[in-house]
């Protein structure tokens, strides 16, 4: 059973040209053609937070699981997961550190073609000590059959947060996704547990994705044995 996962920081639908254009983000999501897509920074001037998430889902013919981390009168800001899989339990996690921008994760169970997978989609903070606390909390949630993905804001490949993740998930290539016009930092990551399931991992770079956001999407094709999965 092959499933495609992707993670994408849409930068509030503001592209490299400084123009707000949710249609471009929708078209990149369609290009990805993934079974599960984790999206970060999902708010916008005219379609705020949850409204934008549901609009993108409808336009892409995908189910939506919203995980707002900042609730304001003018709208919501945070994460979302788009999927064509069947949804199971959904857990919204708060990883916020006092005095800084609220952060969180969507922790959910998905069923696709006889395979049940835990997906954790997140967007971590900007400061190293903040990410360290958030990763410690996050890893307490990880199960046996898990996909962890999102914008980890971690450019120190030997730093404590990534070493802690690798201790549980093993190695995953660090592919540069930021900035989109000339990527040098591997801020967006996908890890799979158990290891050895990833058949391909690649940055999704097209003419459109290079303009639509300041991040490029990252895409992984993962293979599971349905019978093995059922025994877990």
C-alpha atoms as a PDB file:
ATOM      1  CA  UNK A   1       0.000   0.000   0.000  1.00  0.00           C
ATOM      2  CA  UNK A   2       1.572   3.269  -1.143  1.00  0.00           C
ATOM      3  CA  UNK A   3       0.579   6.619   0.319  1.00  0.00           C
ATOM      4  CA  UNK A   4       1.859  10.080  -0.516  1.00  0.00           C
ATOM      5  CA  UNK A   5       2.456  12.639   2.234  1.00  0.00           C
ATOM      6  CA  UNK A   6       3.394  16.287   1.838  1.00  0.00           C
ATOM      7  CA  UNK A   7       4.072  19.278   4.053  1.00  0.00           C
ATOM      8  CA  UNK A   8       3.759  22.892   2.935  1.00  0.00           C
ATOM      9  CA  UNK A   9       4.137  26.253   4.688  1.00  0.00           C
ATOM     10  CA  UNK A  10       1.873  28.483   2.597  1.00  0.00           C
ATOM     11  CA  UNK A  11       3.077  31.784   4.150  1.00  0.00           C
ATOM     12  CA  UNK A  12      -0.473  33.115   4.551  1.00  0.00           C
ATOM     13  CA  UNK A  13      -0.918  32.753   0.767  1.00  0.00           C
ATOM     14  CA  UNK A  14       1.609  35.536   0.150  1.00  0.00           C
ATOM     15  CA  UNK A  15       4.057  34.657  -2.605  1.00  0.00           C
ATOM     16  CA  UNK A  16       7.588  35.733  -3.415  1.00  0.00           C
ATOM     17  CA  UNK A  17       6.167  38.701  -5.300  1.00  0.00           C
ATOM     18  CA  UNK A  18       4.447  39.951  -2.137  1.00  0.00           C
ATOM     19  CA  UNK A  19       1.035  39.251  -3.616  1.00  0.00           C
ATOM     20  CA  UNK A  20      -1.707  37.514  -1.679  1.00  0.00           C
ATOM     21  CA  UNK A  21      -3.103  34.793  -3.956  1.00  0.00           C
ATOM     22  CA  UNK A  22      -4.884  31.750  -2.466  1.00  0.00           C
ATOM     23  CA  UNK A  23      -5.586  30.437  -5.974  1.00  0.00           C
ATOM     24  CA  UNK A  24      -1.873  29.745  -6.407  1.00  0.00           C
ATOM     25  CA  UNK A  25      -1.760  27.795  -3.142  1.00  0.00           C
ATOM     26  CA  UNK A  26      -4.798  25.790  -4.218  1.00  0.00           C
ATOM     27  CA  UNK A  27      -3.101  24.956  -7.503  1.00  0.00           C
ATOM     28  CA  UNK A  28       0.098  23.823  -5.759  1.00  0.00           C
ATOM     29  CA  UNK A  29      -1.973  21.570  -3.485  1.00  0.00           C
ATOM     30  CA  UNK A  30      -3.548  20.093  -6.616  1.00  0.00           C
ATOM     31  CA  UNK A  31      -0.098  19.618  -8.143  1.00  0.00           C
ATOM     32  CA  UNK A  32       1.040  17.658  -5.085  1.00  0.00           C
ATOM     33  CA  UNK A  33      -1.737  15.087  -5.591  1.00  0.00           C
ATOM     34  CA  UNK A  34      -1.002  13.688  -2.117  1.00  0.00           C
ATOM     35  CA  UNK A  35      -3.118  11.510   0.165  1.00  0.00           C
ATOM     36  CA  UNK A  36      -2.222  13.657   3.190  1.00  0.00           C
ATOM     37  CA  UNK A  37      -0.950  17.245   3.199  1.00  0.00           C
ATOM     38  CA  UNK A  38       0.115  19.171   6.314  1.00  0.00           C
ATOM     39  CA  UNK A  39      -0.214  22.934   5.856  1.00  0.00           C
ATOM     40  CA  UNK A  40       1.180  25.700   8.065  1.00  0.00           C
ATOM     41  CA  UNK A  41       0.457  29.453   8.335  1.00  0.00           C
ATOM     42  CA  UNK A  42      -3.075  29.083   7.072  1.00  0.00           C
ATOM     43  CA  UNK A  43      -4.651  32.509   7.380  1.00  0.00           C
ATOM     44  CA  UNK A  44      -5.293  35.293   4.918  1.00  0.00           C
ATOM     45  CA  UNK A  45      -6.741  38.817   4.662  1.00  0.00           C
ATOM     46  CA  UNK A  46     -10.064  37.913   3.073  1.00  0.00           C
ATOM     47  CA  UNK A  47     -10.517  34.237   4.004  1.00  0.00           C
ATOM     48  CA  UNK A  48      -9.341  33.890   7.582  1.00  0.00           C
ATOM     49  CA  UNK A  49      -8.103  30.666   9.094  1.00  0.00           C
ATOM     50  CA  UNK A  50     -10.850  28.094   9.125  1.00  0.00           C
ATOM     51  CA  UNK A  51     -12.669  29.665   6.179  1.00  0.00           C
ATOM     52  CA  UNK A  52      -9.534  29.499   4.053  1.00  0.00           C
ATOM     53  CA  UNK A  53      -8.851  25.918   5.159  1.00  0.00           C
ATOM     54  CA  UNK A  54     -12.322  24.776   4.166  1.00  0.00           C
ATOM     55  CA  UNK A  55     -12.194  26.684   0.883  1.00  0.00           C
ATOM     56  CA  UNK A  56      -8.881  25.041  -0.031  1.00  0.00           C
ATOM     57  CA  UNK A  57     -10.292  21.648   0.907  1.00  0.00           C
ATOM     58  CA  UNK A  58     -13.390  22.114  -1.219  1.00  0.00           C
ATOM     59  CA  UNK A  59     -11.372  23.373  -4.173  1.00  0.00           C
ATOM     60  CA  UNK A  60      -8.933  20.446  -3.902  1.00  0.00           C
ATOM     61  CA  UNK A  61     -11.614  17.816  -3.132  1.00  0.00           C
ATOM     62  CA  UNK A  62      -9.933  16.914   0.152  1.00  0.00           C
ATOM     63  CA  UNK A  63     -11.214  16.592   3.697  1.00  0.00           C
ATOM     64  CA  UNK A  64     -10.013  19.247   6.142  1.00  0.00           C
ATOM     65  CA  UNK A  65      -8.816  18.980   9.735  1.00  0.00           C
ATOM     66  CA  UNK A  66      -8.113  22.450  11.113  1.00  0.00           C
ATOM     67  CA  UNK A  67      -5.782  23.153  14.017  1.00  0.00           C
ATOM     68  CA  UNK A  68      -5.884  26.885  14.793  1.00  0.00           C
ATOM     69  CA  UNK A  69      -3.246  28.062  17.238  1.00  0.00           C
ATOM     70  CA  UNK A  70      -4.092  31.772  17.342  1.00  0.00           C
ATOM     71  CA  UNK A  71      -7.718  32.884  17.655  1.00  0.00           C
ATOM     72  CA  UNK A  72      -8.390  36.553  16.959  1.00  0.00           C
ATOM     73  CA  UNK A  73     -11.404  38.688  16.174  1.00  0.00           C
ATOM     74  CA  UNK A  74     -10.064  39.245  12.667  1.00  0.00           C
ATOM     75  CA  UNK A  75      -9.531  35.535  12.055  1.00  0.00           C
ATOM     76  CA  UNK A  76      -7.677  32.358  12.951  1.00  0.00           C
ATOM     77  CA  UNK A  77      -4.094  31.317  12.298  1.00  0.00           C
ATOM     78  CA  UNK A  78      -2.429  27.933  12.523  1.00  0.00           C
ATOM     79  CA  UNK A  79      -2.184  24.485  10.945  1.00  0.00           C
ATOM     80  CA  UNK A  80      -4.392  22.223   8.852  1.00  0.00           C
ATOM     81  CA  UNK A  81      -4.315  18.735   7.385  1.00  0.00           C
ATOM     82  CA  UNK A  82      -5.914  17.914   4.031  1.00  0.00           C
ATOM     83  CA  UNK A  83      -6.592  14.276   3.224  1.00  0.00           C
ATOM     84  CA  UNK A  84      -8.450  11.850   1.021  1.00  0.00           C
ATOM     85  CA  UNK A  85      -8.170   9.166   3.737  1.00  0.00           C
ATOM     86  CA  UNK A  86     -10.798   8.237   6.302  1.00  0.00           C
ATOM     87  CA  UNK A  87     -10.460  10.200   9.532  1.00  0.00           C
ATOM     88  CA  UNK A  88     -10.297   8.578  12.941  1.00  0.00           C
ATOM     89  CA  UNK A  89      -9.529  10.208  16.288  1.00  0.00           C
ATOM     90  CA  UNK A  90      -8.318  13.820  16.156  1.00  0.00           C
ATOM     91  CA  UNK A  91      -6.260  15.406  18.936  1.00  0.00           C
ATOM     92  CA  UNK A  92      -5.299  19.103  18.859  1.00  0.00           C
ATOM     93  CA  UNK A  93      -2.128  19.699  20.874  1.00  0.00           C
ATOM     94  CA  UNK A  94      -0.927  22.952  22.420  1.00  0.00           C
ATOM     95  CA  UNK A  95       2.868  23.346  22.449  1.00  0.00           C
ATOM     96  CA  UNK A  96       2.870  27.061  23.218  1.00  0.00           C
ATOM     97  CA  UNK A  97       5.609  28.636  25.325  1.00  0.00           C
ATOM     98  CA  UNK A  98       4.504  31.664  27.424  1.00  0.00           C
ATOM     99  CA  UNK A  99       5.236  35.115  25.964  1.00  0.00           C
ATOM    100  CA  UNK A 100       5.758  33.786  22.442  1.00  0.00           C
ATOM    101  CA  UNK A 101       3.598  33.034  19.425  1.00  0.00           C
ATOM    102  CA  UNK A 102       1.212  30.129  20.122  1.00  0.00           C
ATOM    103  CA  UNK A 103       2.275  26.847  18.550  1.00  0.00           C
ATOM    104  CA  UNK A 104       0.551  23.504  18.274  1.00  0.00           C
ATOM    105  CA  UNK A 105       0.102  20.273  16.376  1.00  0.00           C
ATOM    106  CA  UNK A 106      -2.639  18.164  14.850  1.00  0.00           C
ATOM    107  CA  UNK A 107      -2.348  14.542  16.002  1.00  0.00           C
ATOM    108  CA  UNK A 108      -4.797  12.302  14.169  1.00  0.00           C
ATOM    109  CA  UNK A 109      -5.427   8.752  13.038  1.00  0.00           C
ATOM    110  CA  UNK A 110      -6.102   8.095   9.343  1.00  0.00           C
ATOM    111  CA  UNK A 111      -7.174   4.946   7.539  1.00  0.00           C
ATOM    112  CA  UNK A 112      -6.276   4.407   3.885  1.00  0.00           C
ATOM    113  CA  UNK A 113      -6.771   1.137   2.042  1.00  0.00           C
ATOM    114  CA  UNK A 114      -6.544  -1.005   5.151  1.00  0.00           C
ATOM    115  CA  UNK A 115      -3.599   0.903   6.613  1.00  0.00           C
ATOM    116  CA  UNK A 116      -4.044   2.926   9.803  1.00  0.00           C
ATOM    117  CA  UNK A 117      -1.480   5.670  10.345  1.00  0.00           C
ATOM    118  CA  UNK A 118      -0.921   8.242  13.061  1.00  0.00           C
ATOM    119  CA  UNK A 119      -0.131  11.630  11.519  1.00  0.00           C
ATOM    120  CA  UNK A 120       1.348  14.473  13.551  1.00  0.00           C
ATOM    121  CA  UNK A 121       1.492  17.817  11.721  1.00  0.00           C
ATOM    122  CA  UNK A 122       3.163  20.758  13.416  1.00  0.00           C
ATOM    123  CA  UNK A 123       4.903  24.128  13.129  1.00  0.00           C
ATOM    124  CA  UNK A 124       7.538  24.770  15.776  1.00  0.00           C
ATOM    125  CA  UNK A 125       8.828  28.020  17.232  1.00  0.00           C
ATOM    126  CA  UNK A 126      11.666  30.276  16.106  1.00  0.00           C
ATOM    127  CA  UNK A 127      13.952  29.987  19.147  1.00  0.00           C
ATOM    128  CA  UNK A 128      16.174  26.959  19.835  1.00  0.00           C
ATOM    129  CA  UNK A 129      15.132  26.513  23.472  1.00  0.00           C
ATOM    130  CA  UNK A 130      11.475  26.900  22.463  1.00  0.00           C
ATOM    131  CA  UNK A 131      11.812  24.118  19.871  1.00  0.00           C
ATOM    132  CA  UNK A 132      13.576  21.906  22.382  1.00  0.00           C
ATOM    133  CA  UNK A 133      10.627  22.089  24.780  1.00  0.00           C
ATOM    134  CA  UNK A 134       8.134  21.570  21.959  1.00  0.00           C
ATOM    135  CA  UNK A 135       9.928  18.520  20.554  1.00  0.00           C
ATOM    136  CA  UNK A 136      10.092  16.911  23.993  1.00  0.00           C
ATOM    137  CA  UNK A 137       6.310  17.292  24.332  1.00  0.00           C
ATOM    138  CA  UNK A 138       5.689  16.174  20.771  1.00  0.00           C
ATOM    139  CA  UNK A 139       7.703  12.970  21.012  1.00  0.00           C
ATOM    140  CA  UNK A 140       5.629  11.842  23.979  1.00  0.00           C
ATOM    141  CA  UNK A 141       2.727  11.438  21.519  1.00  0.00           C
ATOM    142  CA  UNK A 142       4.467   9.264  18.927  1.00  0.00           C
ATOM    143  CA  UNK A 143       3.067   5.764  18.314  1.00  0.00           C
ATOM    144  CA  UNK A 144       4.402   2.749  16.418  1.00  0.00           C
ATOM    145  CA  UNK A 145       3.010   3.649  12.979  1.00  0.00           C
ATOM    146  CA  UNK A 146       3.555   7.389  12.693  1.00  0.00           C
ATOM    147  CA  UNK A 147       4.236  10.133  10.167  1.00  0.00           C
ATOM    148  CA  UNK A 148       5.684  13.299  11.687  1.00  0.00           C
ATOM    149  CA  UNK A 149       5.820  16.303   9.385  1.00  0.00           C
ATOM    150  CA  UNK A 150       5.685  20.064   9.231  1.00  0.00           C
ATOM    151  CA  UNK A 151       7.806  23.191   9.451  1.00  0.00           C
ATOM    152  CA  UNK A 152      10.311  22.561  12.247  1.00  0.00           C
ATOM    153  CA  UNK A 153      12.159  25.884  11.880  1.00  0.00           C
ATOM    154  CA  UNK A 154      15.364  23.987  12.670  1.00  0.00           C
ATOM    155  CA  UNK A 155      18.419  24.789  10.579  1.00  0.00           C
ATOM    156  CA  UNK A 156      21.009  23.305  12.977  1.00  0.00           C
ATOM    157  CA  UNK A 157      21.081  19.722  11.705  1.00  0.00           C
ATOM    158  CA  UNK A 158      23.107  18.620  14.726  1.00  0.00           C
ATOM    159  CA  UNK A 159      20.939  20.468  17.283  1.00  0.00           C
ATOM    160  CA  UNK A 160      19.151  18.773  20.186  1.00  0.00           C
ATOM    161  CA  UNK A 161      15.596  18.844  18.684  1.00  0.00           C
ATOM    162  CA  UNK A 162      16.611  16.985  15.525  1.00  0.00           C
ATOM    163  CA  UNK A 163      18.827  14.552  17.428  1.00  0.00           C
ATOM    164  CA  UNK A 164      15.888  13.729  19.709  1.00  0.00           C
ATOM    165  CA  UNK A 165      13.598  13.123  16.714  1.00  0.00           C
ATOM    166  CA  UNK A 166      16.202  10.956  14.958  1.00  0.00           C
ATOM    167  CA  UNK A 167      16.588   8.825  18.097  1.00  0.00           C
ATOM    168  CA  UNK A 168      12.968   7.701  17.629  1.00  0.00           C
ATOM    169  CA  UNK A 169      12.420   7.975  13.859  1.00  0.00           C
ATOM    170  CA  UNK A 170      15.886   7.310  12.490  1.00  0.00           C
ATOM    171  CA  UNK A 171      17.481   9.246   9.638  1.00  0.00           C
ATOM    172  CA  UNK A 172      15.526  11.264   7.099  1.00  0.00           C
ATOM    173  CA  UNK A 173      17.306  13.337   4.420  1.00  0.00           C
ATOM    174  CA  UNK A 174      17.437  17.083   5.063  1.00  0.00           C
ATOM    175  CA  UNK A 175      16.316  18.600   1.759  1.00  0.00           C
ATOM    176  CA  UNK A 176      16.399  22.418   1.482  1.00  0.00           C
ATOM    177  CA  UNK A 177      12.954  24.011   1.092  1.00  0.00           C
ATOM    178  CA  UNK A 178      13.555  27.632   2.159  1.00  0.00           C
ATOM    179  CA  UNK A 179      13.652  30.201   0.670  1.00  0.00           C
ATOM    180  CA  UNK A 180      11.678  28.999  -2.308  1.00  0.00           C
ATOM    181  CA  UNK A 181      13.604  30.964  -4.956  1.00  0.00           C
ATOM    182  CA  UNK A 182      16.957  29.463  -3.885  1.00  0.00           C
ATOM    183  CA  UNK A 183      16.471  26.959  -1.049  1.00  0.00           C
ATOM    184  CA  UNK A 184      19.355  26.460   1.375  1.00  0.00           C
ATOM    185  CA  UNK A 185      17.608  25.540   4.669  1.00  0.00           C
ATOM    186  CA  UNK A 186      15.808  22.261   5.379  1.00  0.00           C
ATOM    187  CA  UNK A 187      13.086  23.745   7.574  1.00  0.00           C
ATOM    188  CA  UNK A 188      10.308  21.442   6.333  1.00  0.00           C
ATOM    189  CA  UNK A 189      10.714  17.777   7.252  1.00  0.00           C
ATOM    190  CA  UNK A 190       8.972  14.387   7.060  1.00  0.00           C
ATOM    191  CA  UNK A 191       9.852  11.432   9.299  1.00  0.00           C
ATOM    192  CA  UNK A 192       8.289   7.962   9.162  1.00  0.00           C
ATOM    193  CA  UNK A 193       8.087   5.304  11.868  1.00  0.00           C
ATOM    194  CA  UNK A 194       8.908   2.456  11.498  1.00  0.00           C
ATOM    195  CA  UNK A 195      11.939   3.195   9.338  1.00  0.00           C
ATOM    196  CA  UNK A 196      12.489   1.797   5.860  1.00  0.00           C
ATOM    197  CA  UNK A 197       9.038   2.694   4.560  1.00  0.00           C
ATOM    198  CA  UNK A 198      10.001   5.731   2.465  1.00  0.00           C
ATOM    199  CA  UNK A 199      10.295   4.973  -1.260  1.00  0.00           C
ATOM    200  CA  UNK A 200      10.997   8.541  -2.313  1.00  0.00           C
ATOM    201  CA  UNK A 201      11.448  11.943  -0.698  1.00  0.00           C
ATOM    202  CA  UNK A 202      11.677  15.078  -2.820  1.00  0.00           C
ATOM    203  CA  UNK A 203      11.165  18.812  -2.815  1.00  0.00           C
ATOM    204  CA  UNK A 204       8.222  19.760  -5.029  1.00  0.00           C
ATOM    205  CA  UNK A 205       9.704  22.537  -7.145  1.00  0.00           C
ATOM    206  CA  UNK A 206       7.682  23.807 -10.081  1.00  0.00           C
ATOM    207  CA  UNK A 207       7.325  27.220 -11.666  1.00  0.00           C
ATOM    208  CA  UNK A 208       4.184  27.758  -9.591  1.00  0.00           C
ATOM    209  CA  UNK A 209       5.453  26.450  -6.236  1.00  0.00           C
ATOM    210  CA  UNK A 210       8.588  28.591  -6.549  1.00  0.00           C
ATOM    211  CA  UNK A 211       6.360  31.714  -6.571  1.00  0.00           C
ATOM    212  CA  UNK A 212       3.321  30.827  -4.448  1.00  0.00           C
ATOM    213  CA  UNK A 213       5.055  30.861  -1.015  1.00  0.00           C
ATOM    214  CA  UNK A 214       8.459  31.470   0.552  1.00  0.00           C
ATOM    215  CA  UNK A 215       8.663  27.707   1.268  1.00  0.00           C
ATOM    216  CA  UNK A 216       8.659  24.836  -1.204  1.00  0.00           C
ATOM    217  CA  UNK A 217       6.551  21.766  -0.393  1.00  0.00           C
ATOM    218  CA  UNK A 218       8.227  18.518   0.626  1.00  0.00           C
ATOM    219  CA  UNK A 219       6.703  15.241  -0.594  1.00  0.00           C
ATOM    220  CA  UNK A 220       7.238  11.615   0.466  1.00  0.00           C
ATOM    221  CA  UNK A 221       5.960   8.350  -1.006  1.00  0.00           C
ATOM    222  CA  UNK A 222       5.614   5.739   1.741  1.00  0.00           C
ATOM    223  CA  UNK A 223       4.873   2.033   1.495  1.00  0.00           C
ATOM    224  CA  UNK A 224       3.159  -0.065   4.166  1.00  0.00           C
ATOM    225  CA  UNK A 225       2.155  -3.689   4.369  1.00  0.00           C
ATOM    226  CA  UNK A 226      -1.551  -3.698   5.265  1.00  0.00           C
ATOM    227  CA  UNK A 227      -1.352  -7.086   7.006  1.00  0.00           C
ATOM    228  CA  UNK A 228       1.651  -6.021   9.067  1.00  0.00           C
ATOM    229  CA  UNK A 229      -0.141  -2.808   9.943  1.00  0.00           C
ATOM    230  CA  UNK A 230      -3.191  -4.720  11.125  1.00  0.00           C
ATOM    231  CA  UNK A 231      -1.053  -6.683  13.588  1.00  0.00           C
ATOM    232  CA  UNK A 232       0.211  -3.541  15.330  1.00  0.00           C
END
